[in-house]
Amino acid sequence: MSEYFADKLAESLEQIAAVKEIRYLGLMVGIESDIPLPSLLKELRGKGLLALPAGVNVLRLLPPLTASKSEIDEAVQILQSTLKEFSKSAV
C-alpha cells in the first residue's frame, strides 16, 4: 500500500509549484512546501484529512496501516485540491 500511496502522491503533486519535496518511509510521508503550515493544516482538517507538522515547512501524513486504496485516493484528492488552492493564493 505504501508504494501505491507514493505513486499517487508523486503523480498528483508533481505539478504544484509550492511542493518542494516528498519524502517517504513506508506509509509515513513528509511533504515539504512553501505554504504556511498552520493555515494549511486547518484547511485540511476542515476537509476531513488529518495531518501534522514536522518542522517548520513539512506536512506529515501518517495513514493507518489498514487504509484502503479508495481512502488513499480520497486523501490524495483532498491534498491535491487544497495545495492547489493555497498555491494560487500565494501567487
N, C-alpha and C. Protein backbone atom coordinates (compact mmCIF):
# COMPACT_ATOMS: atom_id res chain seq x y z
N MET A 1 0.82 -1.19 0.00
CA MET A 1 0.00 0.00 0.00
C MET A 1 0.87 1.26 0.00
N SER A 2 2.05 1.19 0.62
CA SER A 2 2.92 2.37 0.66
C SER A 2 3.39 2.75 -0.75
N GLU A 3 3.64 1.77 -1.58
CA GLU A 3 4.05 2.06 -2.96
C GLU A 3 2.91 2.73 -3.73
N TYR A 4 1.70 2.25 -3.53
CA TYR A 4 0.53 2.85 -4.18
C TYR A 4 0.37 4.30 -3.72
N PHE A 5 0.51 4.55 -2.43
CA PHE A 5 0.39 5.90 -1.86
C PHE A 5 1.46 6.81 -2.45
N ALA A 6 2.70 6.34 -2.50
CA ALA A 6 3.80 7.13 -3.04
C ALA A 6 3.57 7.47 -4.52
N ASP A 7 3.12 6.50 -5.29
CA ASP A 7 2.86 6.74 -6.72
C ASP A 7 1.75 7.76 -6.91
N LYS A 8 0.68 7.64 -6.15
CA LYS A 8 -0.45 8.57 -6.25
C LYS A 8 -0.02 9.99 -5.87
N LEU A 9 0.74 10.12 -4.81
CA LEU A 9 1.20 11.44 -4.39
C LEU A 9 2.12 12.06 -5.43
N ALA A 10 3.07 11.30 -5.92
CA ALA A 10 4.00 11.83 -6.91
C ALA A 10 3.25 12.28 -8.16
N GLU A 11 2.34 11.47 -8.60
CA GLU A 11 1.55 11.77 -9.80
C GLU A 11 0.67 13.02 -9.60
N SER A 12 0.08 13.15 -8.44
CA SER A 12 -0.88 14.23 -8.18
C SER A 12 -0.24 15.56 -7.79
N LEU A 13 0.92 15.51 -7.17
CA LEU A 13 1.51 16.74 -6.63
C LEU A 13 2.68 17.28 -7.43
N GLU A 14 3.11 16.57 -8.48
CA GLU A 14 4.31 16.98 -9.21
C GLU A 14 4.15 18.34 -9.91
N GLN A 15 2.95 18.73 -10.27
CA GLN A 15 2.73 19.98 -10.98
C GLN A 15 2.46 21.18 -10.06
N ILE A 16 2.46 20.96 -8.77
CA ILE A 16 2.20 22.05 -7.82
C ILE A 16 3.53 22.67 -7.41
N ALA A 17 3.71 23.93 -7.80
CA ALA A 17 4.99 24.61 -7.59
C ALA A 17 5.37 24.75 -6.12
N ALA A 18 4.39 24.88 -5.24
CA ALA A 18 4.68 25.07 -3.82
C ALA A 18 5.25 23.82 -3.16
N VAL A 19 5.09 22.66 -3.78
CA VAL A 19 5.61 21.41 -3.23
C VAL A 19 7.08 21.28 -3.65
N LYS A 20 7.95 21.27 -2.68
CA LYS A 20 9.39 21.21 -2.94
C LYS A 20 9.93 19.79 -2.96
N GLU A 21 9.45 18.95 -2.05
CA GLU A 21 9.96 17.58 -1.95
C GLU A 21 8.94 16.71 -1.24
N ILE A 22 8.88 15.45 -1.64
CA ILE A 22 8.04 14.46 -0.96
C ILE A 22 8.96 13.34 -0.49
N ARG A 23 8.92 13.06 0.82
CA ARG A 23 9.77 12.01 1.40
C ARG A 23 8.88 10.90 1.96
N TYR A 24 9.36 9.69 1.85
CA TYR A 24 8.57 8.51 2.25
C TYR A 24 9.38 7.60 3.17
N LEU A 25 8.67 6.98 4.10
CA LEU A 25 9.20 5.89 4.89
C LEU A 25 8.01 5.00 5.20
N GLY A 26 7.82 3.97 4.39
CA GLY A 26 6.62 3.16 4.49
C GLY A 26 5.42 4.02 4.14
N LEU A 27 4.41 4.02 5.00
CA LEU A 27 3.23 4.86 4.78
C LEU A 27 3.39 6.27 5.36
N MET A 28 4.47 6.52 6.08
CA MET A 28 4.70 7.84 6.62
C MET A 28 5.26 8.72 5.50
N VAL A 29 4.64 9.90 5.33
CA VAL A 29 5.01 10.80 4.24
C VAL A 29 5.27 12.19 4.79
N GLY A 30 6.31 12.83 4.30
CA GLY A 30 6.61 14.22 4.60
C GLY A 30 6.59 15.01 3.31
N ILE A 31 5.80 16.08 3.28
CA ILE A 31 5.71 16.93 2.09
C ILE A 31 6.23 18.31 2.44
N GLU A 32 7.37 18.66 1.87
CA GLU A 32 7.96 19.98 2.11
C GLU A 32 7.35 20.97 1.13
N SER A 33 6.91 22.12 1.64
CA SER A 33 6.29 23.11 0.77
C SER A 33 6.58 24.52 1.25
N ASP A 34 6.18 25.49 0.43
CA ASP A 34 6.33 26.90 0.76
C ASP A 34 5.09 27.47 1.44
N ILE A 35 4.10 26.64 1.68
CA ILE A 35 2.82 27.07 2.21
C ILE A 35 2.89 27.11 3.75
N PRO A 36 2.39 28.18 4.38
CA PRO A 36 2.37 28.24 5.84
C PRO A 36 1.55 27.08 6.43
N LEU A 37 2.17 26.29 7.28
CA LEU A 37 1.52 25.08 7.79
C LEU A 37 0.28 25.31 8.65
N PRO A 38 0.23 26.28 9.54
CA PRO A 38 -0.97 26.39 10.39
C PRO A 38 -2.25 26.53 9.59
N SER A 39 -2.26 27.40 8.59
CA SER A 39 -3.47 27.58 7.80
C SER A 39 -3.76 26.36 6.91
N LEU A 40 -2.71 25.73 6.40
CA LEU A 40 -2.89 24.53 5.57
C LEU A 40 -3.47 23.38 6.40
N LEU A 41 -2.94 23.18 7.60
CA LEU A 41 -3.43 22.12 8.48
C LEU A 41 -4.89 22.33 8.85
N LYS A 42 -5.24 23.58 9.12
CA LYS A 42 -6.63 23.90 9.48
C LYS A 42 -7.56 23.60 8.31
N GLU A 43 -7.17 23.97 7.12
CA GLU A 43 -7.99 23.73 5.93
C GLU A 43 -8.14 22.23 5.66
N LEU A 44 -7.04 21.49 5.77
CA LEU A 44 -7.11 20.04 5.56
C LEU A 44 -8.02 19.38 6.59
N ARG A 45 -7.91 19.80 7.84
CA ARG A 45 -8.75 19.24 8.90
C ARG A 45 -10.22 19.51 8.60
N GLY A 46 -10.52 20.70 8.10
CA GLY A 46 -11.88 21.06 7.75
C GLY A 46 -12.45 20.20 6.62
N LYS A 47 -11.57 19.68 5.79
CA LYS A 47 -11.99 18.83 4.67
C LYS A 47 -11.94 17.34 5.03
N GLY A 48 -11.58 17.04 6.28
CA GLY A 48 -11.59 15.66 6.75
C GLY A 48 -10.28 14.91 6.64
N LEU A 49 -9.19 15.63 6.41
CA LEU A 49 -7.88 14.98 6.32
C LEU A 49 -7.00 15.45 7.47
N LEU A 50 -6.64 14.53 8.34
CA LEU A 50 -5.78 14.88 9.48
C LEU A 50 -4.32 14.78 9.07
N ALA A 51 -3.56 15.82 9.38
CA ALA A 51 -2.13 15.85 9.10
C ALA A 51 -1.45 16.57 10.25
N LEU A 52 -0.15 16.43 10.32
CA LEU A 52 0.63 17.03 11.41
C LEU A 52 1.79 17.83 10.84
N PRO A 53 2.28 18.81 11.59
CA PRO A 53 3.51 19.49 11.16
C PRO A 53 4.72 18.63 11.52
N ALA A 54 5.74 18.73 10.72
CA ALA A 54 7.02 18.07 11.02
C ALA A 54 8.10 19.10 10.73
N GLY A 55 8.35 19.94 11.67
CA GLY A 55 9.28 21.03 11.44
C GLY A 55 8.53 22.27 10.98
N VAL A 56 9.26 23.19 10.40
CA VAL A 56 8.70 24.49 10.02
C VAL A 56 7.84 24.42 8.77
N ASN A 57 8.27 23.65 7.77
CA ASN A 57 7.57 23.67 6.50
C ASN A 57 7.30 22.28 5.90
N VAL A 58 7.20 21.28 6.75
CA VAL A 58 6.94 19.92 6.28
C VAL A 58 5.62 19.42 6.86
N LEU A 59 4.76 18.99 5.96
CA LEU A 59 3.47 18.40 6.31
C LEU A 59 3.67 16.90 6.46
N ARG A 60 3.22 16.33 7.57
CA ARG A 60 3.41 14.90 7.82
C ARG A 60 2.07 14.17 7.72
N LEU A 61 2.06 13.10 6.95
CA LEU A 61 0.88 12.24 6.81
C LEU A 61 1.21 10.87 7.38
N LEU A 62 0.33 10.36 8.22
CA LEU A 62 0.51 9.04 8.84
C LEU A 62 -0.78 8.24 8.73
N PRO A 63 -1.09 7.73 7.54
CA PRO A 63 -2.33 6.97 7.41
C PRO A 63 -2.24 5.64 8.16
N PRO A 64 -3.38 5.11 8.56
CA PRO A 64 -3.36 3.82 9.25
C PRO A 64 -2.90 2.71 8.29
N LEU A 65 -2.32 1.67 8.85
CA LEU A 65 -1.86 0.55 8.03
C LEU A 65 -3.00 -0.16 7.33
N THR A 66 -4.22 0.04 7.81
CA THR A 66 -5.39 -0.61 7.22
C THR A 66 -6.07 0.25 6.15
N ALA A 67 -5.44 1.37 5.76
CA ALA A 67 -6.04 2.26 4.76
C ALA A 67 -6.23 1.52 3.44
N SER A 68 -7.40 1.73 2.84
CA SER A 68 -7.71 1.11 1.55
C SER A 68 -7.28 2.03 0.40
N LYS A 69 -7.28 1.49 -0.80
CA LYS A 69 -6.93 2.30 -1.96
C LYS A 69 -7.90 3.45 -2.15
N SER A 70 -9.17 3.21 -1.90
CA SER A 70 -10.16 4.29 -2.05
C SER A 70 -9.93 5.39 -1.01
N GLU A 71 -9.53 5.03 0.20
CA GLU A 71 -9.24 6.02 1.23
C GLU A 71 -7.98 6.82 0.87
N ILE A 72 -6.99 6.14 0.33
CA ILE A 72 -5.78 6.83 -0.11
C ILE A 72 -6.11 7.77 -1.26
N ASP A 73 -6.91 7.31 -2.21
CA ASP A 73 -7.32 8.16 -3.34
C ASP A 73 -8.02 9.42 -2.85
N GLU A 74 -8.91 9.26 -1.88
CA GLU A 74 -9.65 10.39 -1.32
C GLU A 74 -8.70 11.37 -0.63
N ALA A 75 -7.76 10.86 0.14
CA ALA A 75 -6.79 11.70 0.85
C ALA A 75 -5.91 12.47 -0.14
N VAL A 76 -5.46 11.79 -1.18
CA VAL A 76 -4.62 12.44 -2.18
C VAL A 76 -5.40 13.52 -2.92
N GLN A 77 -6.66 13.26 -3.22
CA GLN A 77 -7.50 14.25 -3.91
C GLN A 77 -7.70 15.49 -3.04
N ILE A 78 -7.97 15.30 -1.76
CA ILE A 78 -8.14 16.41 -0.83
C ILE A 78 -6.84 17.21 -0.74
N LEU A 79 -5.74 16.52 -0.61
CA LEU A 79 -4.44 17.17 -0.50
C LEU A 79 -4.11 17.95 -1.77
N GLN A 80 -4.33 17.35 -2.92
CA GLN A 80 -4.03 18.00 -4.19
C GLN A 80 -4.86 19.27 -4.37
N SER A 81 -6.15 19.19 -4.15
CA SER A 81 -7.01 20.36 -4.35
C SER A 81 -6.67 21.47 -3.37
N THR A 82 -6.38 21.12 -2.13
CA THR A 82 -6.05 22.12 -1.11
C THR A 82 -4.71 22.79 -1.41
N LEU A 83 -3.72 22.00 -1.79
CA LEU A 83 -2.41 22.58 -2.12
C LEU A 83 -2.51 23.49 -3.35
N LYS A 84 -3.33 23.11 -4.31
CA LYS A 84 -3.52 23.97 -5.49
C LYS A 84 -4.16 25.29 -5.09
N GLU A 85 -5.18 25.23 -4.23
CA GLU A 85 -5.84 26.45 -3.74
C GLU A 85 -4.83 27.37 -3.06
N PHE A 86 -4.02 26.81 -2.17
CA PHE A 86 -3.05 27.60 -1.43
C PHE A 86 -1.96 28.12 -2.34
N SER A 87 -1.56 27.36 -3.34
CA SER A 87 -0.53 27.80 -4.28
C SER A 87 -1.02 29.00 -5.08
N LYS A 88 -2.29 28.98 -5.48
CA LYS A 88 -2.85 30.09 -6.25
C LYS A 88 -2.94 31.35 -5.41
N SER A 89 -3.33 31.19 -4.14
CA SER A 89 -3.46 32.36 -3.28
C SER A 89 -2.11 32.94 -2.89
N ALA A 90 -1.05 32.15 -2.97
CA ALA A 90 0.29 32.62 -2.62
C ALA A 90 0.91 33.42 -3.75
N VAL A 91 0.38 33.29 -4.97
CA VAL A 91 0.96 33.96 -6.14
C VAL A 91 0.53 35.40 -6.22
